[in-house]
Amino acid sequence: MVAPTTPATVTGTLALVHGFTGESSWFLQLTTIYFAKAGFATCAIDHQGYGFSDGLIAHIPDINPVVDDCIAFFIEFRSRFDPSLPSFLYFESLGGAIALLITLHCRDSLKNVSFVNRA
């Protein structure tokens, strides 16, 4: 997680959802710095089989556990901040499909959430 130092007030939250050939460490570096400077608290999770997570490398036999992991992680992250703040799912490639599935699974509980495609 990266949170802003200035301004001291968090203006929103941003959850990054990486694509098929990605993982959170490189995707986070410049993106989170940019958004943190703008006042956003940011986070990302490695999907199963990517980056530092468990699982077969780049193999997702069932997308639902990946979506469930992301939902749990992002909801916990958002709970640290004022629920009235705007929240964004920032994604690329496969991350777009996962972001869409997150929204479909949580359509009643995700409020103030918008999508941003990096590609």
PDB file of N, CA and C in Angstrom:
ATOM      1  N   MET A   1       0.844  -1.175   0.000  1.00  0.00           N
ATOM      2  CA  MET A   1       0.000   0.000   0.000  1.00  0.00           C
ATOM      3  C   MET A   1       0.886   1.234   0.000  1.00  0.00           C
ATOM      4  N   VAL A   2       0.486   2.219  -0.753  1.00  0.00           N
ATOM      5  CA  VAL A   2       1.157   3.513  -0.775  1.00  0.00           C
ATOM      6  C   VAL A   2       0.106   4.556  -0.461  1.00  0.00           C
ATOM      7  N   ALA A   3       0.412   5.409   0.519  1.00  0.00           N
ATOM      8  CA  ALA A   3      -0.515   6.469   0.894  1.00  0.00           C
ATOM      9  C   ALA A   3       0.176   7.811   0.703  1.00  0.00           C
ATOM     10  N   PRO A   4      -0.583   8.844   0.479  1.00  0.00           N
ATOM     11  CA  PRO A   4       0.009  10.158   0.232  1.00  0.00           C
ATOM     12  C   PRO A   4       0.682  10.734   1.465  1.00  0.00           C
ATOM     13  N   THR A   5       1.776  11.474   1.245  1.00  0.00           N
ATOM     14  CA  THR A   5       2.405  12.218   2.327  1.00  0.00           C
ATOM     15  C   THR A   5       1.936  13.664   2.264  1.00  0.00           C
ATOM     16  N   THR A   6       1.843  14.214   1.062  1.00  0.00           N
ATOM     17  CA  THR A   6       1.244  15.519   0.829  1.00  0.00           C
ATOM     18  C   THR A   6       0.359  15.419  -0.389  1.00  0.00           C
ATOM     19  N   PRO A   7      -0.853  15.778  -0.351  1.00  0.00           N
ATOM     20  CA  PRO A   7      -1.535  16.308   0.825  1.00  0.00           C
ATOM     21  C   PRO A   7      -1.781  15.217   1.869  1.00  0.00           C
ATOM     22  N   ALA A   8      -1.836  15.633   3.125  1.00  0.00           N
ATOM     23  CA  ALA A   8      -2.002  14.675   4.214  1.00  0.00           C
ATOM     24  C   ALA A   8      -3.383  14.028   4.200  1.00  0.00           C
ATOM     25  N   THR A   9      -4.338  14.662   3.589  1.00  0.00           N
ATOM     26  CA  THR A   9      -5.689  14.120   3.513  1.00  0.00           C
ATOM     27  C   THR A   9      -5.814  13.208   2.307  1.00  0.00           C
ATOM     28  N   VAL A  10      -6.324  12.011   2.521  1.00  0.00           N
ATOM     29  CA  VAL A  10      -6.550  11.079   1.423  1.00  0.00           C
ATOM     30  C   VAL A  10      -7.784  11.538   0.662  1.00  0.00           C
ATOM     31  N   THR A  11      -7.647  11.684  -0.657  1.00  0.00           N
ATOM     32  CA  THR A  11      -8.757  12.163  -1.476  1.00  0.00           C
ATOM     33  C   THR A  11      -9.518  11.019  -2.154  1.00  0.00           C
ATOM     34  N   GLY A  12      -8.994   9.796  -2.077  1.00  0.00           N
ATOM     35  CA  GLY A  12      -9.654   8.647  -2.671  1.00  0.00           C
ATOM     36  C   GLY A  12      -8.770   7.421  -2.556  1.00  0.00           C
ATOM     37  N   THR A  13      -9.314   6.283  -2.969  1.00  0.00           N
ATOM     38  CA  THR A  13      -8.534   5.044  -2.955  1.00  0.00           C
ATOM     39  C   THR A  13      -8.466   4.483  -4.373  1.00  0.00           C
ATOM     40  N   LEU A  14      -7.378   3.780  -4.625  1.00  0.00           N
ATOM     41  CA  LEU A  14      -7.125   3.222  -5.945  1.00  0.00           C
ATOM     42  C   LEU A  14      -6.582   1.809  -5.779  1.00  0.00           C
ATOM     43  N   ALA A  15      -7.278   0.831  -6.335  1.00  0.00           N
ATOM     44  CA  ALA A  15      -6.841  -0.561  -6.294  1.00  0.00           C
ATOM     45  C   ALA A  15      -6.391  -0.961  -7.689  1.00  0.00           C
ATOM     46  N   LEU A  16      -5.157  -1.417  -7.814  1.00  0.00           N
ATOM     47  CA  LEU A  16      -4.608  -1.802  -9.107  1.00  0.00           C
ATOM     48  C   LEU A  16      -4.830  -3.286  -9.350  1.00  0.00           C
ATOM     49  N   VAL A  17      -5.280  -3.617 -10.561  1.00  0.00           N
ATOM     50  CA  VAL A  17      -5.542  -5.000 -10.947  1.00  0.00           C
ATOM     51  C   VAL A  17      -4.686  -5.278 -12.187  1.00  0.00           C
ATOM     52  N   HIS A  18      -3.615  -6.052 -12.000  1.00  0.00           N
ATOM     53  CA  HIS A  18      -2.665  -6.251 -13.101  1.00  0.00           C
ATOM     54  C   HIS A  18      -3.192  -7.219 -14.155  1.00  0.00           C
ATOM     55  N   GLY A  19      -2.538  -7.204 -15.303  1.00  0.00           N
ATOM     56  CA  GLY A  19      -2.946  -8.026 -16.432  1.00  0.00           C
ATOM     57  C   GLY A  19      -2.286  -9.388 -16.465  1.00  0.00           C
ATOM     58  N   PHE A  20      -2.456 -10.097 -17.588  1.00  0.00           N
ATOM     59  CA  PHE A  20      -2.012 -11.487 -17.727  1.00  0.00           C
ATOM     60  C   PHE A  20      -0.502 -11.641 -17.608  1.00  0.00           C
ATOM     61  N   THR A  21       0.261 -10.732 -18.161  1.00  0.00           N
ATOM     62  CA  THR A  21       1.726 -10.861 -18.094  1.00  0.00           C
ATOM     63  C   THR A  21       2.333 -10.006 -16.985  1.00  0.00           C
ATOM     64  N   GLY A  22       1.507  -9.437 -16.124  1.00  0.00           N
ATOM     65  CA  GLY A  22       2.002  -8.526 -15.107  1.00  0.00           C
ATOM     66  C   GLY A  22       2.054  -9.121 -13.726  1.00  0.00           C
ATOM     67  N   GLU A  23       2.471  -8.308 -12.809  1.00  0.00           N
ATOM     68  CA  GLU A  23       2.434  -8.582 -11.375  1.00  0.00           C
ATOM     69  C   GLU A  23       2.546  -7.250 -10.679  1.00  0.00           C
ATOM     70  N   SER A  24       2.275  -7.224  -9.394  1.00  0.00           N
ATOM     71  CA  SER A  24       2.070  -5.942  -8.727  1.00  0.00           C
ATOM     72  C   SER A  24       3.328  -5.091  -8.562  1.00  0.00           C
ATOM     73  N   SER A  25       4.503  -5.671  -8.458  1.00  0.00           N
ATOM     74  CA  SER A  25       5.673  -4.848  -8.120  1.00  0.00           C
ATOM     75  C   SER A  25       6.014  -3.830  -9.204  1.00  0.00           C
ATOM     76  N   TRP A  26       6.111  -4.233 -10.457  1.00  0.00           N
ATOM     77  CA  TRP A  26       6.463  -3.252 -11.493  1.00  0.00           C
ATOM     78  C   TRP A  26       5.278  -2.365 -11.825  1.00  0.00           C
ATOM     79  N   PHE A  27       4.086  -2.911 -11.750  1.00  0.00           N
ATOM     80  CA  PHE A  27       2.879  -2.150 -12.071  1.00  0.00           C
ATOM     81  C   PHE A  27       2.670  -1.038 -11.041  1.00  0.00           C
ATOM     82  N   LEU A  28       3.076  -1.295  -9.817  1.00  0.00           N
ATOM     83  CA  LEU A  28       2.864  -0.338  -8.737  1.00  0.00           C
ATOM     84  C   LEU A  28       3.842   0.821  -8.731  1.00  0.00           C
ATOM     85  N   GLN A  29       5.067   0.592  -9.114  1.00  0.00           N
ATOM     86  CA  GLN A  29       6.135   1.564  -8.860  1.00  0.00           C
ATOM     87  C   GLN A  29       5.777   3.000  -9.231  1.00  0.00           C
ATOM     88  N   LEU A  30       5.726   3.314 -10.492  1.00  0.00           N
ATOM     89  CA  LEU A  30       5.463   4.699 -10.888  1.00  0.00           C
ATOM     90  C   LEU A  30       3.995   5.070 -10.771  1.00  0.00           C
ATOM     91  N   THR A  31       3.112   4.111 -10.999  1.00  0.00           N
ATOM     92  CA  THR A  31       1.681   4.390 -10.939  1.00  0.00           C
ATOM     93  C   THR A  31       1.273   4.836  -9.538  1.00  0.00           C
ATOM     94  N   THR A  32       1.704   4.096  -8.529  1.00  0.00           N
ATOM     95  CA  THR A  32       1.296   4.453  -7.166  1.00  0.00           C
ATOM     96  C   THR A  32       1.920   5.755  -6.713  1.00  0.00           C
ATOM     97  N   ILE A  33       3.141   6.008  -7.116  1.00  0.00           N
ATOM     98  CA  ILE A  33       3.781   7.273  -6.746  1.00  0.00           C
ATOM     99  C   ILE A  33       2.999   8.442  -7.338  1.00  0.00           C
ATOM    100  N   TYR A  34       2.636   8.304  -8.603  1.00  0.00           N
ATOM    101  CA  TYR A  34       1.870   9.362  -9.278  1.00  0.00           C
ATOM    102  C   TYR A  34       0.556   9.634  -8.550  1.00  0.00           C
ATOM    103  N   PHE A  35      -0.202   8.577  -8.281  1.00  0.00           N
ATOM    104  CA  PHE A  35      -1.498   8.763  -7.635  1.00  0.00           C
ATOM    105  C   PHE A  35      -1.376   9.157  -6.170  1.00  0.00           C
ATOM    106  N   ALA A  36      -0.367   8.675  -5.467  1.00  0.00           N
ATOM    107  CA  ALA A  36      -0.166   9.079  -4.071  1.00  0.00           C
ATOM    108  C   ALA A  36       0.133  10.569  -3.986  1.00  0.00           C
ATOM    109  N   LYS A  37       0.908  11.080  -4.927  1.00  0.00           N
ATOM    110  CA  LYS A  37       1.181  12.520  -4.952  1.00  0.00           C
ATOM    111  C   LYS A  37      -0.089  13.329  -5.182  1.00  0.00           C
ATOM    112  N   ALA A  38      -1.070  12.701  -5.833  1.00  0.00           N
ATOM    113  CA  ALA A  38      -2.357  13.368  -6.072  1.00  0.00           C
ATOM    114  C   ALA A  38      -3.339  13.159  -4.918  1.00  0.00           C
ATOM    115  N   GLY A  39      -2.905  12.457  -3.857  1.00  0.00           N
ATOM    116  CA  GLY A  39      -3.753  12.295  -2.671  1.00  0.00           C
ATOM    117  C   GLY A  39      -4.453  10.955  -2.544  1.00  0.00           C
ATOM    118  N   PHE A  40      -4.156  10.013  -3.421  1.00  0.00           N
ATOM    119  CA  PHE A  40      -4.818   8.714  -3.373  1.00  0.00           C
ATOM    120  C   PHE A  40      -4.004   7.687  -2.603  1.00  0.00           C
ATOM    121  N   ALA A  41      -4.699   6.890  -1.799  1.00  0.00           N
ATOM    122  CA  ALA A  41      -4.088   5.712  -1.188  1.00  0.00           C
ATOM    123  C   ALA A  41      -4.245   4.584  -2.202  1.00  0.00           C
ATOM    124  N   THR A  42      -3.169   3.866  -2.475  1.00  0.00           N
ATOM    125  CA  THR A  42      -3.211   2.841  -3.524  1.00  0.00           C
ATOM    126  C   THR A  42      -2.791   1.480  -2.981  1.00  0.00           C
ATOM    127  N   CYS A  43      -3.281   0.414  -3.646  1.00  0.00           N
ATOM    128  CA  CYS A  43      -2.900  -0.934  -3.275  1.00  0.00           C
ATOM    129  C   CYS A  43      -2.961  -1.826  -4.503  1.00  0.00           C
ATOM    130  N   ALA A  44      -2.354  -2.986  -4.412  1.00  0.00           N
ATOM    131  CA  ALA A  44      -2.434  -3.998  -5.484  1.00  0.00           C
ATOM    132  C   ALA A  44      -2.221  -5.362  -4.854  1.00  0.00           C
ATOM    133  N   ILE A  45      -2.686  -6.381  -5.542  1.00  0.00           N
ATOM    134  CA  ILE A  45      -2.525  -7.754  -5.087  1.00  0.00           C
ATOM    135  C   ILE A  45      -2.023  -8.565  -6.281  1.00  0.00           C
ATOM    136  N   ASP A  46      -1.137  -9.512  -6.031  1.00  0.00           N
ATOM    137  CA  ASP A  46      -0.730 -10.440  -7.080  1.00  0.00           C
ATOM    138  C   ASP A  46      -1.779 -11.535  -7.190  1.00  0.00           C
ATOM    139  N   HIS A  47      -2.247 -11.777  -8.406  1.00  0.00           N
ATOM    140  CA  HIS A  47      -3.189 -12.874  -8.618  1.00  0.00           C
ATOM    141  C   HIS A  47      -2.477 -14.200  -8.372  1.00  0.00           C
ATOM    142  N   GLN A  48      -3.233 -15.226  -8.086  1.00  0.00           N
ATOM    143  CA  GLN A  48      -2.659 -16.562  -7.880  1.00  0.00           C
ATOM    144  C   GLN A  48      -1.840 -16.947  -9.112  1.00  0.00           C
ATOM    145  N   GLY A  49      -0.583 -17.351  -8.875  1.00  0.00           N
ATOM    146  CA  GLY A  49       0.297 -17.744  -9.967  1.00  0.00           C
ATOM    147  C   GLY A  49       1.103 -16.596 -10.562  1.00  0.00           C
ATOM    148  N   TYR A  50       1.011 -15.419  -9.973  1.00  0.00           N
ATOM    149  CA  TYR A  50       1.731 -14.246 -10.473  1.00  0.00           C
ATOM    150  C   TYR A  50       2.529 -13.609  -9.356  1.00  0.00           C
ATOM    151  N   GLY A  51       3.649 -12.979  -9.721  1.00  0.00           N
ATOM    152  CA  GLY A  51       4.455 -12.247  -8.756  1.00  0.00           C
ATOM    153  C   GLY A  51       4.898 -13.112  -7.598  1.00  0.00           C
ATOM    154  N   PHE A  52       4.582 -12.661  -6.385  1.00  0.00           N
ATOM    155  CA  PHE A  52       5.017 -13.364  -5.170  1.00  0.00           C
ATOM    156  C   PHE A  52       3.928 -14.258  -4.584  1.00  0.00           C
ATOM    157  N   SER A  53       2.883 -14.537  -5.348  1.00  0.00           N
ATOM    158  CA  SER A  53       1.790 -15.360  -4.830  1.00  0.00           C
ATOM    159  C   SER A  53       2.049 -16.840  -5.078  1.00  0.00           C
ATOM    160  N   ASP A  54       1.237 -17.664  -4.435  1.00  0.00           N
ATOM    161  CA  ASP A  54       1.310 -19.110  -4.646  1.00  0.00           C
ATOM    162  C   ASP A  54       0.576 -19.474  -5.927  1.00  0.00           C
ATOM    163  N   GLY A  55       0.810 -20.700  -6.386  1.00  0.00           N
ATOM    164  CA  GLY A  55       0.094 -21.211  -7.550  1.00  0.00           C
ATOM    165  C   GLY A  55       1.021 -21.456  -8.717  1.00  0.00           C
ATOM    166  N   LEU A  56       0.505 -22.150  -9.713  1.00  0.00           N
ATOM    167  CA  LEU A  56       1.268 -22.410 -10.929  1.00  0.00           C
ATOM    168  C   LEU A  56       1.499 -21.095 -11.659  1.00  0.00           C
ATOM    169  N   ILE A  57       2.698 -20.894 -12.145  1.00  0.00           N
ATOM    170  CA  ILE A  57       3.061 -19.628 -12.776  1.00  0.00           C
ATOM    171  C   ILE A  57       2.165 -19.339 -13.985  1.00  0.00           C
ATOM    172  N   ALA A  58       1.513 -18.178 -13.938  1.00  0.00           N
ATOM    173  CA  ALA A  58       0.660 -17.663 -15.016  1.00  0.00           C
ATOM    174  C   ALA A  58      -0.441 -18.638 -15.429  1.00  0.00           C
ATOM    175  N   HIS A  59      -0.923 -19.423 -14.472  1.00  0.00           N
ATOM    176  CA  HIS A  59      -1.990 -20.376 -14.770  1.00  0.00           C
ATOM    177  C   HIS A  59      -3.157 -20.130 -13.818  1.00  0.00           C
ATOM    178  N   ILE A  60      -4.294 -19.821 -14.389  1.00  0.00           N
ATOM    179  CA  ILE A  60      -5.503 -19.590 -13.601  1.00  0.00           C
ATOM    180  C   ILE A  60      -6.546 -20.608 -14.061  1.00  0.00           C
ATOM    181  N   PRO A  61      -6.625 -21.759 -13.374  1.00  0.00           N
ATOM    182  CA  PRO A  61      -7.590 -22.776 -13.800  1.00  0.00           C
ATOM    183  C   PRO A  61      -9.044 -22.366 -13.561  1.00  0.00           C
ATOM    184  N   ASP A  62      -9.266 -21.478 -12.588  1.00  0.00           N
ATOM    185  CA  ASP A  62     -10.616 -21.007 -12.267  1.00  0.00           C
ATOM    186  C   ASP A  62     -10.490 -19.551 -11.834  1.00  0.00           C
ATOM    187  N   ILE A  63     -11.141 -18.649 -12.533  1.00  0.00           N
ATOM    188  CA  ILE A  63     -11.029 -17.218 -12.262  1.00  0.00           C
ATOM    189  C   ILE A  63     -11.729 -16.808 -10.966  1.00  0.00           C
ATOM    190  N   ASN A  64     -12.715 -17.579 -10.519  1.00  0.00           N
ATOM    191  CA  ASN A  64     -13.501 -17.184  -9.347  1.00  0.00           C
ATOM    192  C   ASN A  64     -12.686 -17.032  -8.065  1.00  0.00           C
ATOM    193  N   PRO A  65     -11.745 -17.935  -7.730  1.00  0.00           N
ATOM    194  CA  PRO A  65     -10.928 -17.697  -6.540  1.00  0.00           C
ATOM    195  C   PRO A  65     -10.070 -16.430  -6.643  1.00  0.00           C
ATOM    196  N   VAL A  66      -9.628 -16.102  -7.850  1.00  0.00           N
ATOM    197  CA  VAL A  66      -8.855 -14.873  -8.058  1.00  0.00           C
ATOM    198  C   VAL A  66      -9.732 -13.662  -7.767  1.00  0.00           C
ATOM    199  N   VAL A  67     -10.931 -13.674  -8.292  1.00  0.00           N
ATOM    200  CA  VAL A  67     -11.878 -12.577  -8.061  1.00  0.00           C
ATOM    201  C   VAL A  67     -12.207 -12.469  -6.570  1.00  0.00           C
ATOM    202  N   ASP A  68     -12.451 -13.598  -5.920  1.00  0.00           N
ATOM    203  CA  ASP A  68     -12.755 -13.594  -4.479  1.00  0.00           C
ATOM    204  C   ASP A  68     -11.589 -13.030  -3.667  1.00  0.00           C
ATOM    205  N   ASP A  69     -10.352 -13.412  -4.021  1.00  0.00           N
ATOM    206  CA  ASP A  69      -9.170 -12.868  -3.336  1.00  0.00           C
ATOM    207  C   ASP A  69      -9.108 -11.348  -3.489  1.00  0.00           C
ATOM    208  N   CYS A  70      -9.316 -10.877  -4.712  1.00  0.00           N
ATOM    209  CA  CYS A  70      -9.271  -9.433  -4.969  1.00  0.00           C
ATOM    210  C   CYS A  70     -10.350  -8.697  -4.186  1.00  0.00           C
ATOM    211  N   ILE A  71     -11.552  -9.244  -4.179  1.00  0.00           N
ATOM    212  CA  ILE A  71     -12.656  -8.615  -3.447  1.00  0.00           C
ATOM    213  C   ILE A  71     -12.318  -8.491  -1.965  1.00  0.00           C
ATOM    214  N   ALA A  72     -11.863  -9.578  -1.359  1.00  0.00           N
ATOM    215  CA  ALA A  72     -11.529  -9.551   0.073  1.00  0.00           C
ATOM    216  C   ALA A  72     -10.416  -8.549   0.354  1.00  0.00           C
ATOM    217  N   PHE A  73      -9.393  -8.562  -0.481  1.00  0.00           N
ATOM    218  CA  PHE A  73      -8.251  -7.660  -0.296  1.00  0.00           C
ATOM    219  C   PHE A  73      -8.661  -6.200  -0.456  1.00  0.00           C
ATOM    220  N   PHE A  74      -9.407  -5.892  -1.512  1.00  0.00           N
ATOM    221  CA  PHE A  74      -9.777  -4.506  -1.779  1.00  0.00           C
ATOM    222  C   PHE A  74     -10.791  -3.981  -0.769  1.00  0.00           C
ATOM    223  N   ILE A  75     -11.720  -4.818  -0.327  1.00  0.00           N
ATOM    224  CA  ILE A  75     -12.688  -4.381   0.690  1.00  0.00           C
ATOM    225  C   ILE A  75     -11.971  -4.073   2.000  1.00  0.00           C
ATOM    226  N   GLU A  76     -11.021  -4.920   2.382  1.00  0.00           N
ATOM    227  CA  GLU A  76     -10.252  -4.662   3.609  1.00  0.00           C
ATOM    228  C   GLU A  76      -9.461  -3.361   3.465  1.00  0.00           C
ATOM    229  N   PHE A  77      -8.856  -3.153   2.311  1.00  0.00           N
ATOM    230  CA  PHE A  77      -8.098  -1.919   2.059  1.00  0.00           C
ATOM    231  C   PHE A  77      -9.002  -0.699   2.164  1.00  0.00           C
ATOM    232  N   ARG A  78     -10.147  -0.738   1.500  1.00  0.00           N
ATOM    233  CA  ARG A  78     -11.081   0.397   1.533  1.00  0.00           C
ATOM    234  C   ARG A  78     -11.612   0.680   2.927  1.00  0.00           C
ATOM    235  N   SER A  79     -11.700  -0.354   3.768  1.00  0.00           N
ATOM    236  CA  SER A  79     -12.256  -0.177   5.113  1.00  0.00           C
ATOM    237  C   SER A  79     -11.370   0.711   5.994  1.00  0.00           C
ATOM    238  N   ARG A  80     -10.160   0.937   5.590  1.00  0.00           N
ATOM    239  CA  ARG A  80      -9.236   1.794   6.351  1.00  0.00           C
ATOM    240  C   ARG A  80      -9.506   3.284   6.149  1.00  0.00           C
ATOM    241  N   PHE A  81     -10.382   3.606   5.197  1.00  0.00           N
ATOM    242  CA  PHE A  81     -10.602   4.995   4.816  1.00  0.00           C
ATOM    243  C   PHE A  81     -12.084   5.339   4.871  1.00  0.00           C
ATOM    244  N   ASP A  82     -12.378   6.613   4.825  1.00  0.00           N
ATOM    245  CA  ASP A  82     -13.750   7.106   4.846  1.00  0.00           C
ATOM    246  C   ASP A  82     -14.531   6.482   3.681  1.00  0.00           C
ATOM    247  N   PRO A  83     -15.657   5.817   3.963  1.00  0.00           N
ATOM    248  CA  PRO A  83     -16.414   5.148   2.899  1.00  0.00           C
ATOM    249  C   PRO A  83     -17.008   6.100   1.866  1.00  0.00           C
ATOM    250  N   SER A  84     -17.072   7.390   2.176  1.00  0.00           N
ATOM    251  CA  SER A  84     -17.628   8.343   1.204  1.00  0.00           C
ATOM    252  C   SER A  84     -16.590   8.771   0.158  1.00  0.00           C
ATOM    253  N   LEU A  85     -15.330   8.395   0.365  1.00  0.00           N
ATOM    254  CA  LEU A  85     -14.296   8.755  -0.610  1.00  0.00           C
ATOM    255  C   LEU A  85     -14.511   8.010  -1.924  1.00  0.00           C
ATOM    256  N   PRO A  86     -14.172   8.640  -3.030  1.00  0.00           N
ATOM    257  CA  PRO A  86     -14.255   7.915  -4.303  1.00  0.00           C
ATOM    258  C   PRO A  86     -13.202   6.811  -4.344  1.00  0.00           C
ATOM    259  N   SER A  87     -13.552   5.712  -4.973  1.00  0.00           N
ATOM    260  CA  SER A  87     -12.629   4.588  -5.123  1.00  0.00           C
ATOM    261  C   SER A  87     -12.567   4.195  -6.589  1.00  0.00           C
ATOM    262  N   PHE A  88     -11.392   3.726  -6.987  1.00  0.00           N
ATOM    263  CA  PHE A  88     -11.180   3.366  -8.380  1.00  0.00           C
ATOM    264  C   PHE A  88     -10.513   2.010  -8.480  1.00  0.00           C
ATOM    265  N   LEU A  89     -10.944   1.238  -9.472  1.00  0.00           N
ATOM    266  CA  LEU A  89     -10.245   0.024  -9.873  1.00  0.00           C
ATOM    267  C   LEU A  89      -9.462   0.404 -11.124  1.00  0.00           C
ATOM    268  N   TYR A  90      -8.157   0.329 -11.034  1.00  0.00           N
ATOM    269  CA  TYR A  90      -7.260   0.727 -12.120  1.00  0.00           C
ATOM    270  C   TYR A  90      -6.674  -0.552 -12.689  1.00  0.00           C
ATOM    271  N   PHE A  91      -6.887  -0.808 -13.967  1.00  0.00           N
ATOM    272  CA  PHE A  91      -6.566  -2.135 -14.492  1.00  0.00           C
ATOM    273  C   PHE A  91      -5.964  -2.077 -15.882  1.00  0.00           C
ATOM    274  N   GLU A  92      -5.438  -3.221 -16.279  1.00  0.00           N
ATOM    275  CA  GLU A  92      -4.944  -3.417 -17.633  1.00  0.00           C
ATOM    276  C   GLU A  92      -5.214  -4.864 -18.033  1.00  0.00           C
ATOM    277  N   SER A  93      -5.435  -5.089 -19.300  1.00  0.00           N
ATOM    278  CA  SER A  93      -5.498  -6.427 -19.874  1.00  0.00           C
ATOM    279  C   SER A  93      -6.465  -7.323 -19.094  1.00  0.00           C
ATOM    280  N   LEU A  94      -5.992  -8.488 -18.654  1.00  0.00           N
ATOM    281  CA  LEU A  94      -6.800  -9.429 -17.874  1.00  0.00           C
ATOM    282  C   LEU A  94      -7.394  -8.751 -16.643  1.00  0.00           C
ATOM    283  N   GLY A  95      -6.704  -7.760 -16.115  1.00  0.00           N
ATOM    284  CA  GLY A  95      -7.217  -7.021 -14.969  1.00  0.00           C
ATOM    285  C   GLY A  95      -8.562  -6.369 -15.241  1.00  0.00           C
ATOM    286  N   GLY A  96      -8.832  -6.017 -16.502  1.00  0.00           N
ATOM    287  CA  GLY A  96     -10.130  -5.458 -16.870  1.00  0.00           C
ATOM    288  C   GLY A  96     -11.244  -6.462 -16.695  1.00  0.00           C
ATOM    289  N   ALA A  97     -10.985  -7.700 -17.101  1.00  0.00           N
ATOM    290  CA  ALA A  97     -11.989  -8.760 -16.925  1.00  0.00           C
ATOM    291  C   ALA A  97     -12.213  -9.035 -15.444  1.00  0.00           C
ATOM    292  N   ILE A  98     -11.125  -9.051 -14.683  1.00  0.00           N
ATOM    293  CA  ILE A  98     -11.241  -9.281 -13.243  1.00  0.00           C
ATOM    294  C   ILE A  98     -11.992  -8.126 -12.579  1.00  0.00           C
ATOM    295  N   ALA A  99     -11.689  -6.893 -12.970  1.00  0.00           N
ATOM    296  CA  ALA A  99     -12.395  -5.728 -12.412  1.00  0.00           C
ATOM    297  C   ALA A  99     -13.891  -5.796 -12.727  1.00  0.00           C
ATOM    298  N   LEU A 100     -14.227  -6.218 -13.935  1.00  0.00           N
ATOM    299  CA  LEU A 100     -15.638  -6.368 -14.292  1.00  0.00           C
ATOM    300  C   LEU A 100     -16.303  -7.444 -13.436  1.00  0.00           C
ATOM    301  N   LEU A 101     -15.618  -8.572 -13.244  1.00  0.00           N
ATOM    302  CA  LEU A 101     -16.175  -9.643 -12.403  1.00  0.00           C
ATOM    303  C   LEU A 101     -16.302  -9.201 -10.946  1.00  0.00           C
ATOM    304  N   ILE A 102     -15.350  -8.418 -10.453  1.00  0.00           N
ATOM    305  CA  ILE A 102     -15.452  -7.875  -9.098  1.00  0.00           C
ATOM    306  C   ILE A 102     -16.742  -7.069  -8.970  1.00  0.00           C
ATOM    307  N   THR A 103     -16.998  -6.227  -9.953  1.00  0.00           N
ATOM    308  CA  THR A 103     -18.193  -5.390  -9.925  1.00  0.00           C
ATOM    309  C   THR A 103     -19.471  -6.221 -10.001  1.00  0.00           C
ATOM    310  N   LEU A 104     -19.470  -7.235 -10.853  1.00  0.00           N
ATOM    311  CA  LEU A 104     -20.661  -8.079 -10.969  1.00  0.00           C
ATOM    312  C   LEU A 104     -20.929  -8.869  -9.688  1.00  0.00           C
ATOM    313  N   HIS A 105     -19.851  -9.311  -9.022  1.00  0.00           N
ATOM    314  CA  HIS A 105     -20.018 -10.040  -7.768  1.00  0.00           C
ATOM    315  C   HIS A 105     -20.460  -9.129  -6.624  1.00  0.00           C
ATOM    316  N   CYS A 106     -20.106  -7.850  -6.692  1.00  0.00           N
ATOM    317  CA  CYS A 106     -20.343  -6.929  -5.571  1.00  0.00           C
ATOM    318  C   CYS A 106     -21.216  -5.754  -5.967  1.00  0.00           C
ATOM    319  N   ARG A 107     -22.074  -5.922  -6.929  1.00  0.00           N
ATOM    320  CA  ARG A 107     -22.801  -4.768  -7.466  1.00  0.00           C
ATOM    321  C   ARG A 107     -23.604  -4.025  -6.412  1.00  0.00           C
ATOM    322  N   ASP A 108     -24.038  -4.691  -5.350  1.00  0.00           N
ATOM    323  CA  ASP A 108     -24.819  -4.007  -4.319  1.00  0.00           C
ATOM    324  C   ASP A 108     -23.954  -3.383  -3.229  1.00  0.00           C
ATOM    325  N   SER A 109     -22.715  -3.868  -3.077  1.00  0.00           N
ATOM    326  CA  SER A 109     -21.897  -3.385  -1.967  1.00  0.00           C
ATOM    327  C   SER A 109     -20.812  -2.398  -2.393  1.00  0.00           C
ATOM    328  N   LEU A 110     -20.483  -2.339  -3.670  1.00  0.00           N
ATOM    329  CA  LEU A 110     -19.459  -1.396  -4.121  1.00  0.00           C
ATOM    330  C   LEU A 110     -20.114  -0.078  -4.501  1.00  0.00           C
ATOM    331  N   LYS A 111     -19.938   0.896  -3.644  1.00  0.00           N
ATOM    332  CA  LYS A 111     -20.476   2.217  -3.915  1.00  0.00           C
ATOM    333  C   LYS A 111     -19.295   3.172  -4.102  1.00  0.00           C
ATOM    334  N   ASN A 112     -19.478   4.178  -4.887  1.00  0.00           N
ATOM    335  CA  ASN A 112     -18.429   5.159  -5.191  1.00  0.00           C
ATOM    336  C   ASN A 112     -17.211   4.522  -5.860  1.00  0.00           C
ATOM    337  N   VAL A 113     -17.413   3.496  -6.677  1.00  0.00           N
ATOM    338  CA  VAL A 113     -16.304   2.840  -7.364  1.00  0.00           C
ATOM    339  C   VAL A 113     -16.396   3.128  -8.854  1.00  0.00           C
ATOM    340  N   SER A 114     -15.288   3.537  -9.437  1.00  0.00           N
ATOM    341  CA  SER A 114     -15.203   3.798 -10.869  1.00  0.00           C
ATOM    342  C   SER A 114     -14.077   2.981 -11.466  1.00  0.00           C
ATOM    343  N   PHE A 115     -14.062   2.848 -12.782  1.00  0.00           N
ATOM    344  CA  PHE A 115     -13.039   2.089 -13.487  1.00  0.00           C
ATOM    345  C   PHE A 115     -12.107   3.007 -14.254  1.00  0.00           C
ATOM    346  N   VAL A 116     -10.844   2.636 -14.295  1.00  0.00           N
ATOM    347  CA  VAL A 116      -9.857   3.368 -15.091  1.00  0.00           C
ATOM    348  C   VAL A 116      -9.004   2.344 -15.803  1.00  0.00           C
ATOM    349  N   ASN A 117      -8.990   2.392 -17.148  1.00  0.00           N
ATOM    350  CA  ASN A 117      -8.184   1.458 -17.941  1.00  0.00           C
ATOM    351  C   ASN A 117      -6.887   2.136 -18.330  1.00  0.00           C
ATOM    352  N   ARG A 118      -5.773   1.501 -18.004  1.00  0.00           N
ATOM    353  CA  ARG A 118      -4.457   2.055 -18.264  1.00  0.00           C
ATOM    354  C   ARG A 118      -4.042   1.902 -19.712  1.00  0.00           C
ATOM    355  N   ALA A 119      -4.539   0.910 -20.395  1.00  0.00           N
ATOM    356  CA  ALA A 119      -4.042   0.597 -21.749  1.00  0.00           C
ATOM    357  C   ALA A 119      -4.312   1.672 -22.762  1.00  0.00           C
TER     358      ALA A 119
END
